[in-house]
């Protein structure tokens, strides 16, 4: 096979690793070091072993340039307080829990629950001491996140404001914008490159002409509406403030292409999906509004989405610049309402006006094996580490057949997430090294087969599913990567495995007719390029 021309990624976090390690430290006040190109300490052995990416960067600038990235949808994601500050509903008294631990009561209760095969209760008892806002919890969080203690203390304090931190990280991203820089990376050695945050439509075509593989085009995105909807106590902000901040985002010189509306906790706008494995859910309570639909008070949820999408009260296009909606992390109920009440009627109107439809995006996605959103809603109470359909986690976090068909119908994108748990690998599940290459491939086939098996679609419509599959790695989102592809340096290996897997079944799914090499190029970069070329103009001000 021939390696793809280059790579494009629908969702990763190039700034998250370095920004959170330097913010609130003395490095923050040193302009020569507080920027995206400044090398960070890394455990390269952990990187080679593909351990959870908390001690090494997966998508820093050096790795992306070295890995032949050309287009990256860079996500800024203010860390939610629900991970850091214990819920009042589940908090335990620290002194009492210390006594129970010292006297052996904790071990006894946890062991008894395990004998009864009640794993959740066993975890609750064993980890109860961490469910209070004390030094032990803070030490554990520092260990998990690998941040400076000063950063952890700030994130846990009332000083930490999502919006202000977003603005700070956005400024951090802009500091080396357009500057050719040489750095020495612990993982790849000396690297020279330049990233440019997209602020002109012409840059998209220009980036493909870079012959030296030094240039990277960054398109800005945000993960989580909590960025502008929630205050320092995780209460929803006043309506006028929310809409003012949406307008601010639309007025940025480097526009926001899309917004991942929901994340792990309540954003006051729409319900979020269950996303945490059992052990994490014991420490972080994401139950408030989990699984619910849009906020109905003053119809706020839908009004926020309409403002982002530049739709008026009648779902007609206002002509203003648009921030697309990424459906990843939205609850099944919210997605059901979004499709029925906004996407389908708005796209009918746009069709009459001969305008492209508003696309359904899942930026870092997985397939669930579930046929419908109603089935997901019915069974969401069953979601735990073992809730699967075949090789797929059947969680509402992932795409049902109904979601895949909406992506196809609206010419949207399904970004394949490189987290192995998201891709269906259970905790402690052993995968034979020779089968690792198939983990992400079965995700691709899961989505493709939804279209291929649908008798209501024409041959042309079925074939178009191959235009909807792309990379959405979620690199640097604190993921546990698939062993063979831990960083941006490993996408040539992924492409080679993808090519070989496609070759083996090229007589099926229209693969041979399209061409194996062509499908690899589509997934590697073409589908994101074509999608961006089509929809990015609406992210810009009308005078551009």
Protein backbone atom coordinates (compact mmCIF):
# COMPACT_ATOMS: atom_id res chain seq x y z
CA UNK A 1 0.00 0.00 0.00
CA UNK A 2 0.93 3.69 -0.31
CA UNK A 3 0.82 5.71 2.90
CA UNK A 4 -1.99 8.29 2.91
CA UNK A 5 -1.16 11.75 1.64
CA UNK A 6 -1.51 13.06 5.20
CA UNK A 7 -3.81 12.83 8.23
CA UNK A 8 -6.74 14.82 9.56
CA UNK A 9 -8.27 14.38 13.01
CA UNK A 10 -11.82 15.39 13.93
CA UNK A 11 -11.17 15.46 17.66
CA UNK A 12 -8.09 15.67 19.85
CA UNK A 13 -6.66 17.93 22.56
CA UNK A 14 -3.24 19.30 21.50
CA UNK A 15 -3.10 21.83 24.34
CA UNK A 16 -4.53 19.83 27.24
CA UNK A 17 -1.34 17.99 28.26
CA UNK A 18 1.02 20.97 28.28
CA UNK A 19 -1.41 23.70 29.34
CA UNK A 20 -2.55 21.91 32.47
CA UNK A 21 1.02 21.06 33.46
CA UNK A 22 2.26 24.66 33.22
CA UNK A 23 -0.83 26.64 34.24
CA UNK A 24 -0.68 28.02 37.82
CA UNK A 25 3.07 27.39 37.98
CA UNK A 26 6.04 29.73 37.49
CA UNK A 27 6.22 28.58 33.84
CA UNK A 28 2.96 30.39 33.14
CA UNK A 29 4.76 33.72 33.55
CA UNK A 30 7.58 32.85 31.15
CA UNK A 31 6.53 33.64 27.55
CA UNK A 32 9.53 31.71 26.20
CA UNK A 33 8.14 28.48 27.69
CA UNK A 34 4.38 28.95 28.16
CA UNK A 35 3.35 27.89 24.67
CA UNK A 36 2.36 24.76 22.72
CA UNK A 37 5.82 24.02 21.34
CA UNK A 38 7.57 23.94 24.71
CA UNK A 39 8.58 20.29 25.38
CA UNK A 40 7.06 18.63 28.42
CA UNK A 41 8.47 15.79 30.54
CA UNK A 42 7.23 12.46 29.17
CA UNK A 43 7.45 8.83 30.15
CA UNK A 44 8.41 7.40 26.77
CA UNK A 45 8.35 3.86 28.16
CA UNK A 46 4.66 4.29 29.07
CA UNK A 47 4.12 5.66 25.57
CA UNK A 48 5.72 2.63 23.93
CA UNK A 49 3.66 0.34 26.16
CA UNK A 50 0.49 2.28 25.22
CA UNK A 51 -0.48 2.87 28.84
CA UNK A 52 -3.18 5.38 29.70
CA UNK A 53 -2.04 8.73 28.36
CA UNK A 54 -1.46 10.64 31.58
CA UNK A 55 2.37 10.60 31.59
CA UNK A 56 2.97 11.36 27.91
CA UNK A 57 1.44 13.53 25.19
CA UNK A 58 -0.33 11.90 22.28
CA UNK A 59 -0.98 14.88 20.01
CA UNK A 60 1.45 17.65 20.86
CA UNK A 61 2.71 19.74 17.98
CA UNK A 62 5.97 17.81 17.59
CA UNK A 63 4.20 14.47 17.26
CA UNK A 64 1.51 15.76 14.91
CA UNK A 65 4.04 17.38 12.56
CA UNK A 66 6.23 14.26 12.70
CA UNK A 67 3.17 12.06 12.14
CA UNK A 68 2.17 13.99 8.98
CA UNK A 69 -0.94 15.59 10.38
CA UNK A 70 -2.19 18.44 8.22
CA UNK A 71 -5.67 19.26 9.58
CA UNK A 72 -6.66 18.97 13.22
CA UNK A 73 -9.91 19.93 14.93
CA UNK A 74 -8.38 21.03 18.22
CA UNK A 75 -10.70 20.81 21.21
CA UNK A 76 -10.44 23.07 24.24
CA UNK A 77 -12.09 21.34 27.19
CA UNK A 78 -12.19 23.00 30.62
CA UNK A 79 -11.93 20.15 33.14
CA UNK A 80 -15.29 19.69 34.87
CA UNK A 81 -15.47 20.10 38.64
CA UNK A 82 -17.49 16.92 38.94
CA UNK A 83 -14.22 15.02 38.53
CA UNK A 84 -12.54 16.99 41.28
CA UNK A 85 -15.06 18.02 43.90
CA UNK A 86 -17.15 15.26 45.50
CA UNK A 87 -20.92 15.33 45.17
CA UNK A 88 -22.79 16.32 48.31
CA UNK A 89 -25.01 13.28 47.77
CA UNK A 90 -22.14 10.79 47.95
CA UNK A 91 -19.61 12.57 50.19
CA UNK A 92 -18.37 10.72 53.29
CA UNK A 93 -16.94 12.12 56.53
CA UNK A 94 -13.15 11.82 56.27
CA UNK A 95 -12.51 11.11 59.98
CA UNK A 96 -15.15 8.41 60.13
CA UNK A 97 -13.80 6.72 57.02
CA UNK A 98 -10.24 6.82 58.37
CA UNK A 99 -11.38 5.05 61.55
CA UNK A 100 -13.25 2.43 59.52
CA UNK A 101 -10.18 1.87 57.37
CA UNK A 102 -7.85 1.59 60.39
CA UNK A 103 -10.11 -0.87 62.22
CA UNK A 104 -10.59 -3.10 59.20
CA UNK A 105 -14.30 -2.32 58.86
CA UNK A 106 -13.85 -1.01 55.33
CA UNK A 107 -12.02 -4.13 54.16
CA UNK A 108 -14.61 -6.39 55.82
CA UNK A 109 -17.59 -4.61 54.23
CA UNK A 110 -15.95 -4.51 50.82
CA UNK A 111 -15.02 -8.19 51.04
CA UNK A 112 -18.53 -9.20 52.09
CA UNK A 113 -19.98 -7.35 49.10
CA UNK A 114 -17.55 -9.12 46.78
CA UNK A 115 -18.63 -12.50 48.20
CA UNK A 116 -22.19 -11.53 47.29
CA UNK A 117 -20.91 -10.60 43.80
CA UNK A 118 -22.02 -7.01 44.38
CA UNK A 119 -19.01 -5.34 42.75
CA UNK A 120 -20.47 -1.83 42.83
CA UNK A 121 -21.08 -1.88 46.60
CA UNK A 122 -17.62 -3.37 47.14
CA UNK A 123 -16.06 -0.48 45.25
CA UNK A 124 -18.21 2.02 47.15
CA UNK A 125 -16.96 0.70 50.47
CA UNK A 126 -13.32 0.34 49.41
CA UNK A 127 -13.08 3.84 47.97
CA UNK A 128 -15.36 5.68 50.40
CA UNK A 129 -12.46 7.62 51.92
CA UNK A 130 -11.91 9.33 48.57
CA UNK A 131 -15.43 10.75 48.49
CA UNK A 132 -14.62 13.81 50.55
CA UNK A 133 -12.80 17.02 49.71
CA UNK A 134 -9.63 16.24 51.60
CA UNK A 135 -5.88 15.78 51.08
CA UNK A 136 -6.21 12.07 50.26
CA UNK A 137 -8.60 12.73 47.38
CA UNK A 138 -6.41 15.59 46.16
CA UNK A 139 -3.33 13.35 46.24
CA UNK A 140 -5.14 10.67 44.24
CA UNK A 141 -6.28 13.23 41.67
CA UNK A 142 -2.77 14.56 41.36
CA UNK A 143 -1.58 10.99 40.76
CA UNK A 144 -4.28 10.35 38.14
CA UNK A 145 -3.95 13.64 36.28
CA UNK A 146 -0.20 14.13 36.77
CA UNK A 147 -0.68 17.90 37.24
CA UNK A 148 1.24 20.22 39.54
CA UNK A 149 -0.35 20.36 43.04
CA UNK A 150 -0.95 24.07 42.54
CA UNK A 151 -3.01 23.37 39.42
CA UNK A 152 -5.02 20.70 41.26
CA UNK A 153 -5.70 23.06 44.18
CA UNK A 154 -6.85 25.77 41.78
CA UNK A 155 -9.16 23.42 39.87
CA UNK A 156 -10.80 22.39 43.16
CA UNK A 157 -11.26 25.98 44.33
CA UNK A 158 -14.02 28.55 43.84
CA UNK A 159 -11.52 30.58 41.81
CA UNK A 160 -11.73 28.09 38.94
CA UNK A 161 -14.17 29.42 36.35
CA UNK A 162 -14.72 27.43 33.14
CA UNK A 163 -15.13 30.48 30.95
CA UNK A 164 -12.06 32.29 32.24
CA UNK A 165 -9.99 29.13 31.92
CA UNK A 166 -11.22 28.63 28.36
CA UNK A 167 -10.13 32.17 27.47
CA UNK A 168 -6.76 31.55 29.10
CA UNK A 169 -6.22 28.29 27.19
CA UNK A 170 -7.39 29.91 23.96
CA UNK A 171 -4.80 32.66 24.46
CA UNK A 172 -2.20 29.95 25.17
CA UNK A 173 -3.11 28.30 21.87
CA UNK A 174 -2.71 31.58 19.99
CA UNK A 175 0.77 32.37 21.33
CA UNK A 176 2.77 30.53 18.66
CA UNK A 177 0.11 30.78 15.98
CA UNK A 178 1.81 31.11 12.58
CA UNK A 179 5.35 30.98 13.99
CA UNK A 180 7.88 28.53 12.53
CA UNK A 181 9.37 26.85 15.59
CA UNK A 182 12.04 24.27 16.34
CA UNK A 183 11.72 22.14 19.45
CA UNK A 184 13.34 19.05 20.90
CA UNK A 185 10.76 16.45 21.83
CA UNK A 186 11.65 13.62 24.25
CA UNK A 187 9.75 11.24 21.97
CA UNK A 188 10.83 12.31 18.47
CA UNK A 189 13.93 14.49 18.86
CA UNK A 190 14.38 17.76 16.98
CA UNK A 191 11.28 18.93 15.10
CA UNK A 192 10.65 22.10 13.11
CA UNK A 193 7.12 23.06 12.20
CA UNK A 194 4.37 25.63 12.29
CA UNK A 195 0.71 25.51 13.20
CA UNK A 196 -1.75 28.08 11.93
CA UNK A 197 -5.16 28.56 13.47
CA UNK A 198 -7.64 28.76 10.62
CA UNK A 199 -8.95 32.27 10.05
CA UNK A 200 -9.15 32.28 6.24
CA UNK A 201 -10.99 29.84 4.02
CA UNK A 202 -8.04 29.74 1.60
CA UNK A 203 -5.84 28.12 4.25
CA UNK A 204 -7.65 24.82 3.87
CA UNK A 205 -6.54 24.39 0.27
CA UNK A 206 -3.11 25.88 0.96
CA UNK A 207 -2.30 23.27 3.60
CA UNK A 208 -2.46 20.45 1.07
CA UNK A 209 0.36 22.07 -0.92
CA UNK A 210 2.94 21.81 1.89
CA UNK A 211 5.68 19.61 0.44
CA UNK A 212 7.98 19.68 3.47
CA UNK A 213 5.42 18.35 5.97
CA UNK A 214 6.03 21.22 8.37
CA UNK A 215 2.67 22.97 8.25
CA UNK A 216 -0.40 22.14 10.33
CA UNK A 217 -3.82 23.78 10.03
CA UNK A 218 -5.72 24.01 13.31
CA UNK A 219 -9.51 24.42 13.34
CA UNK A 220 -10.80 25.37 16.79
CA UNK A 221 -13.56 23.44 18.57
CA UNK A 222 -14.89 23.21 22.15
CA UNK A 223 -15.92 20.15 24.14
CA UNK A 224 -18.70 20.92 26.58
CA UNK A 225 -21.25 23.75 26.74
CA UNK A 226 -20.43 23.97 30.46
CA UNK A 227 -17.62 26.23 29.18
CA UNK A 228 -20.13 29.08 28.90
CA UNK A 229 -23.25 27.85 30.74
CA UNK A 230 -22.05 26.95 34.27
CA UNK A 231 -20.63 29.10 37.07
CA UNK A 232 -17.94 28.35 39.67
CA UNK A 233 -20.44 26.36 41.77
CA UNK A 234 -21.72 24.39 38.77
CA UNK A 235 -25.01 26.28 38.72
CA UNK A 236 -26.41 27.45 35.41
CA UNK A 237 -25.61 31.02 34.51
CA UNK A 238 -28.34 33.59 33.70
CA UNK A 239 -29.78 33.30 30.20
CA UNK A 240 -28.53 36.67 28.98
CA UNK A 241 -24.98 35.75 30.02
CA UNK A 242 -25.16 32.43 28.15
CA UNK A 243 -26.30 34.07 24.93
CA UNK A 244 -23.74 36.88 25.27
CA UNK A 245 -21.00 34.27 25.47
CA UNK A 246 -22.31 32.41 22.42
CA UNK A 247 -22.12 35.68 20.51
CA UNK A 248 -18.57 36.21 21.82
CA UNK A 249 -17.55 32.78 20.53
CA UNK A 250 -19.03 33.57 17.13
CA UNK A 251 -17.10 36.83 17.01
CA UNK A 252 -13.64 35.31 17.58
CA UNK A 253 -11.09 36.02 14.85
CA UNK A 254 -10.37 32.28 14.67
CA UNK A 255 -13.89 30.84 14.60
CA UNK A 256 -15.18 27.83 16.51
CA UNK A 257 -16.15 25.19 13.94
CA UNK A 258 -18.22 22.96 16.20
CA UNK A 259 -19.16 22.48 19.81
CA UNK A 260 -19.47 19.13 21.58
CA UNK A 261 -22.60 20.21 23.42
CA UNK A 262 -22.57 17.78 26.35
CA UNK A 263 -19.72 16.28 28.31
CA UNK A 264 -19.53 14.21 31.50
CA UNK A 265 -21.73 16.32 33.82
CA UNK A 266 -24.77 18.58 33.73
CA UNK A 267 -24.43 21.68 31.57
CA UNK A 268 -27.88 23.15 32.30
CA UNK A 269 -28.82 22.82 28.61
CA UNK A 270 -29.26 19.15 27.76
CA UNK A 271 -28.89 15.70 29.29
CA UNK A 272 -25.58 13.89 29.05
CA UNK A 273 -24.86 10.19 28.53
CA UNK A 274 -23.39 7.83 31.11
CA UNK A 275 -19.68 7.79 30.30
CA UNK A 276 -17.70 6.57 33.30
CA UNK A 277 -16.52 3.04 34.06
CA UNK A 278 -17.66 1.57 37.35
CA UNK A 279 -14.59 2.47 39.39
CA UNK A 280 -14.69 6.15 38.33
CA UNK A 281 -18.44 6.47 38.85
CA UNK A 282 -17.93 5.57 42.50
CA UNK A 283 -15.83 8.71 42.95
CA UNK A 284 -17.54 11.10 40.53
CA UNK A 285 -21.32 11.36 40.54
CA UNK A 286 -22.60 12.23 37.09
CA UNK A 287 -26.22 11.30 37.81
CA UNK A 288 -27.69 14.83 37.88
CA UNK A 289 -29.68 15.19 34.62
CA UNK A 290 -27.88 12.17 33.15
CA UNK A 291 -30.08 10.60 30.48
CA UNK A 292 -32.52 13.51 30.37
CA UNK A 293 -33.54 15.66 27.42
CA UNK A 294 -33.21 19.37 26.67
CA UNK A 295 -33.81 21.94 29.38
CA UNK A 296 -37.47 22.96 29.03
CA UNK A 297 -37.50 26.08 31.22
CA UNK A 298 -38.13 28.93 28.80
CA UNK A 299 -37.26 26.36 26.12
CA UNK A 300 -33.67 27.22 26.96
CA UNK A 301 -31.97 24.08 25.64
CA UNK A 302 -33.41 24.36 22.14
CA UNK A 303 -32.89 28.14 22.03
CA UNK A 304 -29.19 27.72 22.81
CA UNK A 305 -28.81 25.13 20.05
CA UNK A 306 -30.73 27.30 17.58
CA UNK A 307 -28.50 30.29 18.35
CA UNK A 308 -25.39 28.18 17.83
CA UNK A 309 -26.74 26.83 14.53
CA UNK A 310 -27.94 30.25 13.32
CA UNK A 311 -31.59 29.23 13.22
CA UNK A 312 -34.48 31.48 14.19
CA UNK A 313 -37.56 30.48 16.21
CA UNK A 314 -39.10 28.99 13.06
CA UNK A 315 -35.88 27.01 12.37
CA UNK A 316 -35.08 29.15 9.35
CA UNK A 317 -31.50 30.06 8.53
CA UNK A 318 -30.63 33.53 9.89
CA UNK A 319 -27.56 33.79 7.65
CA UNK A 320 -25.28 34.43 10.64
CA UNK A 321 -22.10 32.48 11.21
CA UNK A 322 -22.76 28.99 12.54
CA UNK A 323 -21.22 26.75 15.21
CA UNK A 324 -22.11 23.15 14.42
CA UNK A 325 -23.24 20.71 17.11
CA UNK A 326 -21.28 17.57 17.93
CA UNK A 327 -23.62 14.92 19.37
CA UNK A 328 -20.98 12.92 21.25
CA UNK A 329 -21.81 12.76 24.99
CA UNK A 330 -25.42 13.90 24.48
CA UNK A 331 -27.95 11.59 26.13
CA UNK A 332 -30.06 9.38 23.88
CA UNK A 333 -33.13 11.39 24.91
CA UNK A 334 -31.44 14.69 23.96
CA UNK A 335 -30.35 13.26 20.60
CA UNK A 336 -33.87 12.01 19.93
CA UNK A 337 -35.26 15.48 20.58
CA UNK A 338 -32.46 17.15 18.61
CA UNK A 339 -33.12 15.09 15.50
CA UNK A 340 -36.91 15.33 15.65
CA UNK A 341 -37.33 18.94 16.76
CA UNK A 342 -34.36 20.69 15.15
CA UNK A 343 -32.36 18.72 12.59
CA UNK A 344 -35.15 17.18 10.52
CA UNK A 345 -37.46 20.24 10.26
CA UNK A 346 -34.56 22.65 9.77
CA UNK A 347 -33.05 20.49 7.04
CA UNK A 348 -36.38 20.27 5.25
CA UNK A 349 -36.42 24.06 5.08
CA UNK A 350 -32.78 24.20 3.98
CA UNK A 351 -33.49 21.64 1.26
CA UNK A 352 -36.22 23.87 -0.17
CA UNK A 353 -33.71 26.74 -0.16
CA UNK A 354 -31.16 24.47 -1.91
CA UNK A 355 -28.74 24.80 0.99
CA UNK A 356 -26.68 21.95 2.45
CA UNK A 357 -28.19 20.17 5.46
CA UNK A 358 -26.98 20.75 8.98
CA UNK A 359 -24.82 17.66 9.54
CA UNK A 360 -24.94 15.29 12.47
CA UNK A 361 -21.43 14.89 13.90
CA UNK A 362 -20.05 12.34 16.36
CA UNK A 363 -16.50 13.58 16.71
CA UNK A 364 -14.92 10.73 18.71
CA UNK A 365 -17.40 7.94 18.38
CA UNK A 366 -18.02 4.24 18.78
CA UNK A 367 -20.78 1.92 17.60
CA UNK A 368 -23.09 0.39 20.20
CA UNK A 369 -24.82 -2.49 18.41
CA UNK A 370 -28.20 -1.03 19.53
CA UNK A 371 -30.83 -0.50 16.85
CA UNK A 372 -32.67 2.58 18.11
CA UNK A 373 -32.55 5.50 20.51
CA UNK A 374 -35.73 4.22 22.16
CA UNK A 375 -33.98 0.93 22.93
CA UNK A 376 -31.06 2.85 24.41
CA UNK A 377 -33.39 4.93 26.58
CA UNK A 378 -35.21 1.80 27.74
CA UNK A 379 -32.04 -0.02 28.76
CA UNK A 380 -29.78 2.78 29.98
CA UNK A 381 -30.24 1.67 33.62
CA UNK A 382 -28.33 -1.51 32.71
CA UNK A 383 -25.15 0.30 31.74
CA UNK A 384 -22.09 -1.00 33.56
CA UNK A 385 -18.67 -2.31 32.58
CA UNK A 386 -20.25 -5.50 31.23
CA UNK A 387 -23.23 -4.12 29.27
CA UNK A 388 -22.45 -5.22 25.71
CA UNK A 389 -24.04 -6.38 22.50
CA UNK A 390 -21.51 -8.66 20.85
CA UNK A 391 -18.15 -6.88 20.82
CA UNK A 392 -19.73 -3.43 21.32
CA UNK A 393 -20.48 -1.50 24.50
CA UNK A 394 -24.23 -0.89 24.30
CA UNK A 395 -24.07 2.40 26.18
CA UNK A 396 -26.03 5.52 25.22
CA UNK A 397 -22.62 7.21 24.92
CA UNK A 398 -22.19 5.41 21.61
CA UNK A 399 -24.02 5.46 18.29
CA UNK A 400 -27.16 3.44 17.70
CA UNK A 401 -28.22 2.42 14.20
CA UNK A 402 -30.55 5.41 14.29
CA UNK A 403 -27.60 7.76 14.94
CA UNK A 404 -25.56 6.23 12.12
CA UNK A 405 -28.44 6.69 9.69
CA UNK A 406 -28.80 10.34 10.74
CA UNK A 407 -25.09 10.86 10.12
CA UNK A 408 -25.51 9.32 6.67
CA UNK A 409 -28.71 11.21 5.86
CA UNK A 410 -27.21 14.58 6.76
CA UNK A 411 -23.77 13.84 5.26
CA UNK A 412 -22.17 14.14 8.68
CA UNK A 413 -19.12 12.45 10.21
CA UNK A 414 -18.39 9.48 12.47
CA UNK A 415 -14.93 9.99 14.00
CA UNK A 416 -13.38 6.70 15.14
CA UNK A 417 -12.20 7.05 18.75
CA UNK A 418 -8.88 5.40 19.63
CA UNK A 419 -9.79 4.66 23.27
CA UNK A 420 -9.81 0.88 23.69
CA UNK A 421 -12.57 0.81 26.34
CA UNK A 422 -14.79 2.96 24.14
CA UNK A 423 -13.97 0.58 21.27
CA UNK A 424 -15.36 -2.35 23.27
CA UNK A 425 -12.40 -3.74 25.24
CA UNK A 426 -13.44 -4.48 28.82
CA UNK A 427 -11.21 -3.81 31.81
CA UNK A 428 -8.69 -6.65 32.25
CA UNK A 429 -9.74 -8.16 28.92
CA UNK A 430 -6.74 -9.77 27.24
CA UNK A 431 -6.40 -9.25 23.51
CA UNK A 432 -3.99 -11.40 21.53
CA UNK A 433 -1.37 -9.13 19.92
CA UNK A 434 -2.31 -10.43 16.48
CA UNK A 435 -5.92 -9.29 17.00
CA UNK A 436 -5.26 -5.75 18.22
CA UNK A 437 -5.40 -4.40 14.66
CA UNK A 438 -9.02 -5.55 14.42
CA UNK A 439 -10.33 -3.51 17.40
CA UNK A 440 -10.89 -0.25 15.52
CA UNK A 441 -11.69 -2.02 12.27
CA UNK A 442 -14.72 -3.69 13.84
CA UNK A 443 -15.92 -0.22 14.88
CA UNK A 444 -15.69 0.94 11.28
CA UNK A 445 -17.50 -2.15 10.03
CA UNK A 446 -20.19 -1.77 12.70
CA UNK A 447 -21.08 1.68 11.37
CA UNK A 448 -20.74 0.68 7.71
CA UNK A 449 -22.93 -2.41 8.11
CA UNK A 450 -25.80 -0.32 9.48
CA UNK A 451 -26.04 1.31 6.07
CA UNK A 452 -25.31 -1.82 4.05
CA UNK A 453 -28.06 -3.80 5.79
CA UNK A 454 -30.73 -1.11 5.40
CA UNK A 455 -33.13 -2.07 2.60
CA UNK A 456 -34.60 1.44 2.48
CA UNK A 457 -31.34 2.86 1.12
CA UNK A 458 -30.34 2.87 -2.51
CA UNK A 459 -26.98 1.49 -3.61
CA UNK A 460 -25.68 5.05 -3.95
CA UNK A 461 -26.84 5.94 -0.45
CA UNK A 462 -25.25 2.83 1.04
CA UNK A 463 -21.98 3.57 -0.68
CA UNK A 464 -21.98 7.09 0.82
CA UNK A 465 -21.38 5.68 4.32
CA UNK A 466 -17.71 5.42 3.34
CA UNK A 467 -17.75 9.24 3.01
CA UNK A 468 -18.78 9.58 6.65
CA UNK A 469 -16.04 7.61 8.42
CA UNK A 470 -12.95 9.47 9.63
CA UNK A 471 -10.44 9.70 12.47
CA UNK A 472 -11.62 11.19 15.76
CA UNK A 473 -8.85 9.87 17.97
CA UNK A 474 -9.53 11.78 21.22
CA UNK A 475 -5.76 11.86 21.69
CA UNK A 476 -4.78 13.61 24.95
CA UNK A 477 -8.30 13.23 26.30
CA UNK A 478 -6.79 11.06 29.09
CA UNK A 479 -7.71 7.97 27.07
CA UNK A 480 -6.42 4.41 27.30
CA UNK A 481 -5.28 3.97 23.68
CA UNK A 482 -5.44 0.88 21.52
CA UNK A 483 -2.06 -0.78 21.99
CA UNK A 484 -0.81 -0.44 18.41
CA UNK A 485 -1.61 3.26 18.01
CA UNK A 486 -0.88 5.22 21.21
CA UNK A 487 0.01 8.58 19.60
CA UNK A 488 -0.12 10.70 16.46
CA UNK A 489 3.13 9.04 15.41
CA UNK A 490 1.35 5.73 14.84
CA UNK A 491 -1.22 6.54 12.17
CA UNK A 492 0.85 5.07 9.34
CA UNK A 493 0.70 1.77 11.23
CA UNK A 494 -3.07 2.20 11.62
CA UNK A 495 -3.43 2.89 7.89
CA UNK A 496 -1.39 -0.18 7.01
CA UNK A 497 -3.57 -2.35 9.26
CA UNK A 498 -6.71 -0.76 7.84
CA UNK A 499 -5.52 -1.43 4.30
CA UNK A 500 -4.81 -5.09 5.06
CA UNK A 501 -8.14 -5.58 6.82
CA UNK A 502 -10.02 -4.01 3.90
CA UNK A 503 -8.14 -6.16 1.40
CA UNK A 504 -9.31 -9.32 3.16
CA UNK A 505 -12.99 -8.40 2.69
CA UNK A 506 -12.74 -6.27 -0.45
CA UNK A 507 -15.39 -8.39 -2.18
CA UNK A 508 -17.97 -7.06 0.32
CA UNK A 509 -19.50 -3.72 1.27
CA UNK A 510 -18.60 -2.08 -2.08
CA UNK A 511 -14.96 -1.94 -0.95
CA UNK A 512 -13.59 -3.31 -4.21
CA UNK A 513 -15.68 -0.93 -6.29
CA UNK A 514 -14.46 2.12 -4.39
CA UNK A 515 -10.90 0.83 -4.00
CA UNK A 516 -9.04 -0.10 -0.84
CA UNK A 517 -6.44 2.66 -1.19
CA UNK A 518 -9.19 5.21 -1.81
CA UNK A 519 -11.07 4.17 1.35
CA UNK A 520 -7.88 4.46 3.40
CA UNK A 521 -7.38 8.00 2.02
CA UNK A 522 -11.00 8.87 2.80
CA UNK A 523 -10.71 7.77 6.42
CA UNK A 524 -7.22 9.22 6.87
CA UNK A 525 -8.04 12.73 5.63
CA UNK A 526 -10.32 13.15 2.60
CA UNK A 527 -13.65 12.92 4.39
CA UNK A 528 -12.67 15.55 6.95
CA UNK A 529 -11.19 17.77 4.23
CA UNK A 530 -14.35 17.60 2.09
CA UNK A 531 -16.61 18.12 5.10
CA UNK A 532 -14.59 21.12 6.27
CA UNK A 533 -14.47 22.64 2.80
CA UNK A 534 -18.27 22.38 2.67
CA UNK A 535 -19.19 23.65 6.13
CA UNK A 536 -16.36 25.86 7.36
CA UNK A 537 -17.51 28.93 5.38
CA UNK A 538 -20.53 29.23 7.70
CA UNK A 539 -18.22 29.46 10.72
CA UNK A 540 -16.80 32.75 9.46
CA UNK A 541 -18.24 36.21 9.72
CA UNK A 542 -20.15 37.25 6.65
CA UNK A 543 -17.58 39.91 5.79
CA UNK A 544 -14.89 37.26 5.26
